[in-house]
């Protein structure tokens, strides 16, 4: 996957994930549900599972190879795993151990959202 080709969409995926997660927390708060560290882990897991499910796809090897060369979107699996591995609430919800592929990495030099 070429980061030069997909960067704009990668940033959009991260922005969408952050906004959707904040909206879910706001919705739960407005309905009397708990938020933050007290939010039931199962509810957080349900959110992330549903978010990842939006990218479910099937592609032939030929279509996948063509997309990698020309599509400004990363392949669905990469879109999900890359965004979630940079989002600390995901690792917290699924108890990903530090250093595992899906655990939040050290924060980048700047934070956009």
Protein backbone atom coordinates (compact mmCIF):
# COMPACT_ATOMS: atom_id res chain seq x y z
CA UNK A 1 0.00 0.00 0.00
CA UNK A 2 1.40 3.41 -0.96
CA UNK A 3 1.05 5.88 1.88
CA UNK A 4 1.45 8.69 -0.63
CA UNK A 5 -1.65 7.47 -2.46
CA UNK A 6 -3.79 6.72 0.61
CA UNK A 7 -2.75 9.42 3.09
CA UNK A 8 -5.82 11.63 2.65
CA UNK A 9 -8.24 8.76 3.10
CA UNK A 10 -6.21 7.34 6.00
CA UNK A 11 -6.57 10.68 7.79
CA UNK A 12 -10.27 10.75 7.00
CA UNK A 13 -10.68 7.24 8.46
CA UNK A 14 -8.99 8.34 11.69
CA UNK A 15 -11.12 11.48 11.90
CA UNK A 16 -14.29 9.48 11.31
CA UNK A 17 -13.33 6.93 13.95
CA UNK A 18 -12.63 9.63 16.53
CA UNK A 19 -15.88 11.48 15.80
CA UNK A 20 -18.00 8.32 15.79
CA UNK A 21 -16.49 7.18 19.09
CA UNK A 22 -17.12 10.58 20.69
CA UNK A 23 -20.70 10.51 19.36
CA UNK A 24 -21.25 7.06 20.89
CA UNK A 25 -19.96 8.29 24.27
CA UNK A 26 -22.18 11.39 24.03
CA UNK A 27 -25.20 9.26 23.13
CA UNK A 28 -24.65 6.94 26.08
CA UNK A 29 -24.18 9.90 28.42
CA UNK A 30 -27.39 11.56 27.19
CA UNK A 31 -29.29 8.32 27.80
CA UNK A 32 -27.94 7.89 31.30
CA UNK A 33 -25.26 5.36 30.39
CA UNK A 34 -21.80 5.49 31.88
CA UNK A 35 -18.88 6.93 29.94
CA UNK A 36 -15.12 7.06 29.95
CA UNK A 37 -13.34 4.41 31.94
CA UNK A 38 -16.66 3.30 33.44
CA UNK A 39 -18.25 2.54 30.09
CA UNK A 40 -18.87 -1.17 29.92
CA UNK A 41 -16.10 -2.84 27.96
CA UNK A 42 -18.73 -4.84 26.09
CA UNK A 43 -20.32 -1.63 24.75
CA UNK A 44 -16.94 -0.39 23.55
CA UNK A 45 -16.23 -3.74 21.92
CA UNK A 46 -19.61 -3.62 20.19
CA UNK A 47 -18.83 -0.14 18.84
CA UNK A 48 -15.46 -1.21 17.40
CA UNK A 49 -16.85 -4.43 15.95
CA UNK A 50 -19.62 -2.51 14.20
CA UNK A 51 -17.16 0.12 12.94
CA UNK A 52 -14.86 -2.56 11.52
CA UNK A 53 -17.83 -4.34 9.94
CA UNK A 54 -18.50 -1.36 7.71
CA UNK A 55 -15.31 -2.21 5.81
CA UNK A 56 -16.16 -5.88 5.21
CA UNK A 57 -15.43 -6.76 1.59
CA UNK A 58 -14.55 -9.55 -0.78
CA UNK A 59 -12.19 -8.96 -3.68
CA UNK A 60 -10.49 -11.19 -6.18
CA UNK A 61 -6.69 -11.18 -6.16
CA UNK A 62 -6.76 -9.35 -9.48
CA UNK A 63 -9.09 -6.63 -8.18
CA UNK A 64 -7.04 -6.27 -4.99
CA UNK A 65 -3.81 -5.88 -6.96
CA UNK A 66 -5.40 -3.24 -9.20
CA UNK A 67 -6.80 -1.34 -6.20
CA UNK A 68 -3.42 -1.20 -4.45
CA UNK A 69 -1.96 0.50 -7.52
CA UNK A 70 -4.75 2.97 -8.23
CA UNK A 71 -7.25 3.36 -5.36
CA UNK A 72 -6.70 6.24 -2.90
CA UNK A 73 -8.25 4.00 -0.24
CA UNK A 74 -6.15 1.35 1.47
CA UNK A 75 -7.57 -2.19 1.34
CA UNK A 76 -10.39 -2.66 3.87
CA UNK A 77 -8.38 -4.87 6.23
CA UNK A 78 -5.59 -2.28 6.32
CA UNK A 79 -8.06 0.56 6.85
CA UNK A 80 -9.50 -1.18 9.90
CA UNK A 81 -6.30 -2.48 11.46
CA UNK A 82 -4.26 0.68 10.88
CA UNK A 83 -6.87 3.05 12.32
CA UNK A 84 -7.73 0.87 15.31
CA UNK A 85 -4.11 0.12 16.19
CA UNK A 86 -3.52 3.88 16.57
CA UNK A 87 -6.66 4.43 18.69
CA UNK A 88 -5.97 3.77 22.41
CA UNK A 89 -9.63 3.16 23.37
CA UNK A 90 -9.60 0.10 21.07
CA UNK A 91 -6.68 -1.50 22.90
CA UNK A 92 -8.36 -0.72 26.22
CA UNK A 93 -11.66 -2.28 25.13
CA UNK A 94 -10.07 -5.51 23.94
CA UNK A 95 -7.30 -5.62 26.57
CA UNK A 96 -4.57 -5.71 23.93
CA UNK A 97 -1.21 -6.16 25.65
CA UNK A 98 1.43 -3.50 25.12
CA UNK A 99 3.57 -4.32 22.14
CA UNK A 100 0.91 -6.41 20.42
CA UNK A 101 0.02 -5.49 16.82
CA UNK A 102 -3.31 -3.92 17.80
CA UNK A 103 -2.14 -2.08 20.92
CA UNK A 104 -1.92 1.67 20.71
CA UNK A 105 1.49 2.75 19.59
CA UNK A 106 3.30 5.66 21.21
CA UNK A 107 1.50 8.86 20.23
CA UNK A 108 2.78 10.64 17.15
CA UNK A 109 4.47 14.01 17.46
CA UNK A 110 1.13 15.76 16.88
CA UNK A 111 -2.50 14.85 17.38
CA UNK A 112 -5.06 15.97 14.83
CA UNK A 113 -8.20 14.99 16.76
